[in-house]
Amino acid sequence: MGYRELTETDENLKQILKNVIGSSCEMERDAHLRKLQSIVTAANISNDECDFGTSLELGLDLFCFGGEVFHRTVLHPLKTAYNLLQRNEFALIAEAHLKNRRRGTTLSIVSLST
């Protein structure tokens, strides 16, 4: 698997994502989403050059950050990277998770006795 650095640092990417979530209007959010789109485009170009790790990193970064506004954006790089890496099951898991993602819910942990 090839890899190249994302076009933005982790800190800059995190700030862009925060700006998208915290936008006060759609026009402002669209401006921040355009910055994100340029990162996604660069990751797609990396895929064309067999550097699949770049899309995997971007997809995982977006997935871990959360935010429903990113769900479609998350799926594209993750599904592409997992499919190119022949890990199709992980793409299916990510897609299923995003369809049922909830934030702030309390999960009860059941202990199994052996």
N, C-alpha and C. Protein backbone atom coordinates (compact mmCIF):
# COMPACT_ATOMS: atom_id res chain seq x y z
N MET A 1 0.85 -1.18 0.00
CA MET A 1 0.00 0.00 0.00
C MET A 1 0.89 1.23 0.00
N GLY A 2 0.60 2.13 -0.91
CA GLY A 2 1.32 3.39 -0.96
C GLY A 2 0.70 4.41 -0.03
N TYR A 3 1.45 5.44 0.24
CA TYR A 3 0.96 6.50 1.14
C TYR A 3 1.66 7.81 0.80
N ARG A 4 0.92 8.86 0.87
CA ARG A 4 1.49 10.20 0.85
C ARG A 4 0.73 11.06 1.85
N GLU A 5 1.39 12.05 2.34
CA GLU A 5 0.79 12.93 3.36
C GLU A 5 -0.47 13.62 2.81
N LEU A 6 -1.42 13.88 3.68
CA LEU A 6 -2.56 14.70 3.31
C LEU A 6 -2.07 16.10 2.97
N THR A 7 -2.86 16.82 2.19
CA THR A 7 -2.43 18.17 1.79
C THR A 7 -2.55 19.18 2.92
N GLU A 8 -3.18 18.80 4.03
CA GLU A 8 -3.29 19.64 5.23
C GLU A 8 -2.76 18.87 6.42
N THR A 9 -2.25 19.61 7.39
CA THR A 9 -1.82 18.97 8.63
C THR A 9 -3.05 18.49 9.40
N ASP A 10 -2.82 17.62 10.35
CA ASP A 10 -3.93 17.12 11.17
C ASP A 10 -4.64 18.27 11.87
N GLU A 11 -3.87 19.21 12.37
CA GLU A 11 -4.46 20.35 13.09
C GLU A 11 -5.30 21.22 12.16
N ASN A 12 -4.80 21.48 10.94
CA ASN A 12 -5.57 22.28 9.98
C ASN A 12 -6.85 21.56 9.56
N LEU A 13 -6.74 20.26 9.33
CA LEU A 13 -7.92 19.48 8.95
C LEU A 13 -8.96 19.53 10.07
N LYS A 14 -8.52 19.36 11.30
CA LYS A 14 -9.43 19.41 12.44
C LYS A 14 -10.12 20.78 12.52
N GLN A 15 -9.37 21.84 12.25
CA GLN A 15 -9.95 23.19 12.29
C GLN A 15 -10.97 23.38 11.17
N ILE A 16 -10.68 22.88 9.99
CA ILE A 16 -11.63 22.97 8.89
C ILE A 16 -12.92 22.24 9.26
N LEU A 17 -12.80 21.06 9.83
CA LEU A 17 -13.99 20.29 10.22
C LEU A 17 -14.78 21.01 11.31
N LYS A 18 -14.08 21.59 12.27
CA LYS A 18 -14.75 22.37 13.32
C LYS A 18 -15.48 23.56 12.71
N ASN A 19 -14.84 24.21 11.74
CA ASN A 19 -15.46 25.37 11.10
C ASN A 19 -16.72 24.97 10.34
N VAL A 20 -16.71 23.81 9.71
CA VAL A 20 -17.90 23.35 9.00
C VAL A 20 -19.04 23.15 9.99
N ILE A 21 -18.76 22.44 11.08
CA ILE A 21 -19.79 22.17 12.09
C ILE A 21 -20.28 23.46 12.74
N GLY A 22 -19.38 24.39 13.00
CA GLY A 22 -19.74 25.61 13.70
C GLY A 22 -20.20 26.75 12.83
N SER A 23 -20.40 26.51 11.55
CA SER A 23 -20.82 27.58 10.64
C SER A 23 -22.19 28.11 11.01
N SER A 24 -22.33 29.43 10.90
CA SER A 24 -23.59 30.06 11.28
C SER A 24 -24.59 30.12 10.13
N CYS A 25 -24.11 29.95 8.91
CA CYS A 25 -25.02 29.97 7.76
C CYS A 25 -24.50 29.01 6.69
N GLU A 26 -25.37 28.72 5.75
CA GLU A 26 -25.03 27.75 4.71
C GLU A 26 -23.89 28.25 3.81
N MET A 27 -23.86 29.54 3.55
CA MET A 27 -22.81 30.10 2.70
C MET A 27 -21.43 29.93 3.36
N GLU A 28 -21.37 30.17 4.65
CA GLU A 28 -20.13 30.00 5.39
C GLU A 28 -19.71 28.52 5.42
N ARG A 29 -20.68 27.64 5.64
CA ARG A 29 -20.39 26.21 5.66
C ARG A 29 -19.88 25.73 4.30
N ASP A 30 -20.49 26.23 3.23
CA ASP A 30 -20.05 25.84 1.89
C ASP A 30 -18.62 26.26 1.62
N ALA A 31 -18.22 27.42 2.14
CA ALA A 31 -16.84 27.88 1.96
C ALA A 31 -15.86 26.94 2.65
N HIS A 32 -16.22 26.48 3.84
CA HIS A 32 -15.35 25.55 4.56
C HIS A 32 -15.37 24.16 3.90
N LEU A 33 -16.52 23.77 3.38
CA LEU A 33 -16.61 22.49 2.69
C LEU A 33 -15.78 22.47 1.41
N ARG A 34 -15.64 23.62 0.76
CA ARG A 34 -14.78 23.70 -0.43
C ARG A 34 -13.32 23.43 -0.06
N LYS A 35 -12.89 23.89 1.10
CA LYS A 35 -11.53 23.59 1.56
C LYS A 35 -11.37 22.09 1.78
N LEU A 36 -12.38 21.47 2.37
CA LEU A 36 -12.35 20.03 2.59
C LEU A 36 -12.36 19.28 1.26
N GLN A 37 -13.13 19.79 0.30
CA GLN A 37 -13.21 19.13 -1.00
C GLN A 37 -11.86 19.08 -1.70
N SER A 38 -11.04 20.11 -1.51
CA SER A 38 -9.72 20.09 -2.15
C SER A 38 -8.83 19.00 -1.54
N ILE A 39 -9.02 18.72 -0.26
CA ILE A 39 -8.27 17.64 0.40
C ILE A 39 -8.75 16.29 -0.13
N VAL A 40 -10.06 16.14 -0.29
CA VAL A 40 -10.63 14.91 -0.82
C VAL A 40 -10.15 14.67 -2.24
N THR A 41 -10.11 15.72 -3.04
CA THR A 41 -9.64 15.61 -4.42
C THR A 41 -8.19 15.15 -4.46
N ALA A 42 -7.35 15.70 -3.61
CA ALA A 42 -5.95 15.28 -3.56
C ALA A 42 -5.82 13.82 -3.14
N ALA A 43 -6.67 13.38 -2.23
CA ALA A 43 -6.66 11.97 -1.81
C ALA A 43 -7.09 11.06 -2.97
N ASN A 44 -8.06 11.53 -3.76
CA ASN A 44 -8.49 10.75 -4.92
C ASN A 44 -7.37 10.63 -5.95
N ILE A 45 -6.63 11.68 -6.13
CA ILE A 45 -5.49 11.65 -7.05
C ILE A 45 -4.46 10.65 -6.54
N SER A 46 -4.28 10.59 -5.23
CA SER A 46 -3.36 9.62 -4.63
C SER A 46 -3.80 8.19 -4.96
N ASN A 47 -5.11 7.95 -4.95
CA ASN A 47 -5.61 6.62 -5.31
C ASN A 47 -5.20 6.24 -6.73
N ASP A 48 -5.29 7.20 -7.64
CA ASP A 48 -4.92 6.95 -9.03
C ASP A 48 -3.46 6.55 -9.17
N GLU A 49 -2.65 6.97 -8.20
CA GLU A 49 -1.22 6.67 -8.23
C GLU A 49 -0.85 5.58 -7.23
N CYS A 50 -1.84 4.78 -6.84
CA CYS A 50 -1.68 3.62 -5.95
C CYS A 50 -1.22 3.97 -4.54
N ASP A 51 -1.50 5.17 -4.11
CA ASP A 51 -1.22 5.58 -2.73
C ASP A 51 -2.54 5.53 -1.94
N PHE A 52 -3.06 4.32 -1.74
CA PHE A 52 -4.38 4.13 -1.14
C PHE A 52 -4.44 4.55 0.32
N GLY A 53 -3.31 4.58 0.98
CA GLY A 53 -3.26 4.92 2.40
C GLY A 53 -3.72 6.34 2.68
N THR A 54 -3.59 7.22 1.70
CA THR A 54 -4.00 8.61 1.88
C THR A 54 -5.52 8.70 2.04
N SER A 55 -6.26 8.00 1.19
CA SER A 55 -7.72 7.99 1.31
C SER A 55 -8.16 7.29 2.59
N LEU A 56 -7.44 6.25 2.96
CA LEU A 56 -7.77 5.55 4.19
C LEU A 56 -7.59 6.48 5.39
N GLU A 57 -6.49 7.22 5.42
CA GLU A 57 -6.26 8.15 6.52
C GLU A 57 -7.33 9.24 6.56
N LEU A 58 -7.63 9.84 5.42
CA LEU A 58 -8.64 10.89 5.38
C LEU A 58 -10.00 10.36 5.80
N GLY A 59 -10.37 9.19 5.28
CA GLY A 59 -11.66 8.61 5.65
C GLY A 59 -11.77 8.33 7.13
N LEU A 60 -10.70 7.79 7.71
CA LEU A 60 -10.71 7.51 9.14
C LEU A 60 -10.73 8.80 9.97
N ASP A 61 -10.02 9.82 9.50
CA ASP A 61 -10.04 11.12 10.20
C ASP A 61 -11.47 11.68 10.23
N LEU A 62 -12.13 11.65 9.09
CA LEU A 62 -13.50 12.17 9.02
C LEU A 62 -14.46 11.31 9.85
N PHE A 63 -14.28 10.01 9.76
CA PHE A 63 -15.13 9.07 10.51
C PHE A 63 -15.01 9.33 12.01
N CYS A 64 -13.79 9.48 12.49
CA CYS A 64 -13.56 9.68 13.92
C CYS A 64 -14.02 11.05 14.39
N PHE A 65 -13.94 12.05 13.52
CA PHE A 65 -14.38 13.39 13.91
C PHE A 65 -15.88 13.40 14.13
N GLY A 66 -16.61 12.68 13.29
CA GLY A 66 -18.06 12.62 13.42
C GLY A 66 -18.73 13.77 12.72
N GLY A 67 -19.99 13.90 12.94
CA GLY A 67 -20.77 14.95 12.31
C GLY A 67 -21.52 14.43 11.10
N GLU A 68 -22.84 14.48 11.17
CA GLU A 68 -23.66 13.93 10.11
C GLU A 68 -23.40 14.60 8.76
N VAL A 69 -23.02 15.84 8.79
CA VAL A 69 -22.74 16.55 7.55
C VAL A 69 -21.60 15.90 6.76
N PHE A 70 -20.77 15.12 7.43
CA PHE A 70 -19.62 14.48 6.78
C PHE A 70 -19.89 13.04 6.33
N HIS A 71 -21.06 12.49 6.60
CA HIS A 71 -21.30 11.08 6.32
C HIS A 71 -21.04 10.70 4.87
N ARG A 72 -21.54 11.46 3.93
CA ARG A 72 -21.29 11.14 2.52
C ARG A 72 -19.82 11.31 2.18
N THR A 73 -19.22 12.35 2.72
CA THR A 73 -17.80 12.60 2.46
C THR A 73 -16.93 11.51 3.07
N VAL A 74 -17.33 10.97 4.20
CA VAL A 74 -16.59 9.89 4.86
C VAL A 74 -16.61 8.64 4.00
N LEU A 75 -17.77 8.30 3.50
CA LEU A 75 -17.92 7.04 2.79
C LEU A 75 -17.10 6.96 1.52
N HIS A 76 -16.99 8.05 0.81
CA HIS A 76 -16.26 7.98 -0.46
C HIS A 76 -14.80 7.55 -0.29
N PRO A 77 -13.99 8.26 0.50
CA PRO A 77 -12.60 7.81 0.62
C PRO A 77 -12.45 6.47 1.33
N LEU A 78 -13.30 6.21 2.34
CA LEU A 78 -13.18 4.94 3.05
C LEU A 78 -13.53 3.76 2.15
N LYS A 79 -14.66 3.85 1.45
CA LYS A 79 -15.06 2.75 0.58
C LYS A 79 -14.05 2.55 -0.54
N THR A 80 -13.57 3.64 -1.11
CA THR A 80 -12.59 3.54 -2.18
C THR A 80 -11.32 2.85 -1.70
N ALA A 81 -10.79 3.33 -0.57
CA ALA A 81 -9.54 2.75 -0.04
C ALA A 81 -9.72 1.28 0.32
N TYR A 82 -10.80 0.96 1.05
CA TYR A 82 -11.01 -0.42 1.44
C TYR A 82 -11.20 -1.33 0.22
N ASN A 83 -11.91 -0.86 -0.78
CA ASN A 83 -12.09 -1.68 -1.98
C ASN A 83 -10.78 -1.86 -2.74
N LEU A 84 -9.99 -0.81 -2.86
CA LEU A 84 -8.70 -0.93 -3.54
C LEU A 84 -7.73 -1.83 -2.77
N LEU A 85 -7.89 -1.86 -1.45
CA LEU A 85 -7.06 -2.71 -0.62
C LEU A 85 -7.64 -4.12 -0.48
N GLN A 86 -8.73 -4.36 -1.17
CA GLN A 86 -9.43 -5.65 -1.12
C GLN A 86 -9.88 -6.00 0.30
N ARG A 87 -10.39 -5.00 0.97
CA ARG A 87 -10.95 -5.14 2.32
C ARG A 87 -12.41 -4.68 2.29
N ASN A 88 -13.17 -5.25 1.37
CA ASN A 88 -14.55 -4.80 1.11
C ASN A 88 -15.43 -4.87 2.34
N GLU A 89 -15.17 -5.83 3.23
CA GLU A 89 -16.00 -5.98 4.43
C GLU A 89 -15.93 -4.74 5.31
N PHE A 90 -14.75 -4.11 5.38
CA PHE A 90 -14.61 -2.91 6.21
C PHE A 90 -15.44 -1.77 5.64
N ALA A 91 -15.52 -1.68 4.32
CA ALA A 91 -16.36 -0.66 3.68
C ALA A 91 -17.82 -0.87 4.05
N LEU A 92 -18.26 -2.11 4.05
CA LEU A 92 -19.64 -2.42 4.42
C LEU A 92 -19.92 -2.08 5.88
N ILE A 93 -18.95 -2.37 6.74
CA ILE A 93 -19.10 -2.06 8.17
C ILE A 93 -19.20 -0.56 8.39
N ALA A 94 -18.35 0.21 7.74
CA ALA A 94 -18.38 1.68 7.88
C ALA A 94 -19.71 2.23 7.41
N GLU A 95 -20.19 1.72 6.28
CA GLU A 95 -21.47 2.19 5.75
C GLU A 95 -22.62 1.85 6.69
N ALA A 96 -22.64 0.64 7.21
CA ALA A 96 -23.70 0.24 8.15
C ALA A 96 -23.63 1.06 9.43
N HIS A 97 -22.43 1.32 9.91
CA HIS A 97 -22.28 2.11 11.14
C HIS A 97 -22.82 3.52 10.96
N LEU A 98 -22.48 4.14 9.81
CA LEU A 98 -22.92 5.52 9.60
C LEU A 98 -24.44 5.62 9.46
N LYS A 99 -25.08 4.58 8.97
CA LYS A 99 -26.54 4.60 8.85
C LYS A 99 -27.21 4.60 10.21
N ASN A 100 -26.52 4.10 11.24
CA ASN A 100 -27.12 3.96 12.56
C ASN A 100 -26.28 4.66 13.63
N ARG A 101 -25.56 5.69 13.24
CA ARG A 101 -24.66 6.36 14.19
C ARG A 101 -25.45 7.28 15.11
N ARG A 102 -25.16 7.19 16.39
CA ARG A 102 -25.79 8.05 17.39
C ARG A 102 -24.70 8.60 18.29
N ARG A 103 -24.80 9.87 18.58
CA ARG A 103 -23.86 10.49 19.52
C ARG A 103 -24.58 10.74 20.83
N GLY A 104 -23.84 10.58 21.91
CA GLY A 104 -24.39 10.91 23.21
C GLY A 104 -25.32 9.88 23.79
N THR A 105 -25.38 8.71 23.20
CA THR A 105 -26.23 7.68 23.78
C THR A 105 -25.43 6.87 24.78
N THR A 106 -26.11 6.33 25.73
CA THR A 106 -25.46 5.51 26.73
C THR A 106 -25.66 4.05 26.36
N LEU A 107 -24.59 3.35 26.27
CA LEU A 107 -24.66 1.93 25.98
C LEU A 107 -24.50 1.16 27.28
N SER A 108 -25.31 0.17 27.45
CA SER A 108 -25.14 -0.67 28.64
C SER A 108 -24.22 -1.82 28.28
N ILE A 109 -23.33 -2.12 29.17
CA ILE A 109 -22.37 -3.19 28.96
C ILE A 109 -22.86 -4.40 29.74
N VAL A 110 -23.00 -5.49 29.03
CA VAL A 110 -23.46 -6.73 29.64
C VAL A 110 -22.25 -7.61 29.84
N SER A 111 -22.05 -8.08 31.08
CA SER A 111 -20.93 -8.98 31.31
C SER A 111 -21.41 -10.41 31.16
N LEU A 112 -20.64 -11.16 30.46
CA LEU A 112 -20.97 -12.57 30.24
C LEU A 112 -20.20 -13.42 31.22
N SER A 113 -20.88 -14.29 31.91
CA SER A 113 -20.17 -15.18 32.83
C SER A 113 -19.73 -16.41 32.06
N THR A 114 -18.57 -16.90 32.40
CA THR A 114 -18.05 -18.11 31.71
C THR A 114 -18.24 -19.33 32.53
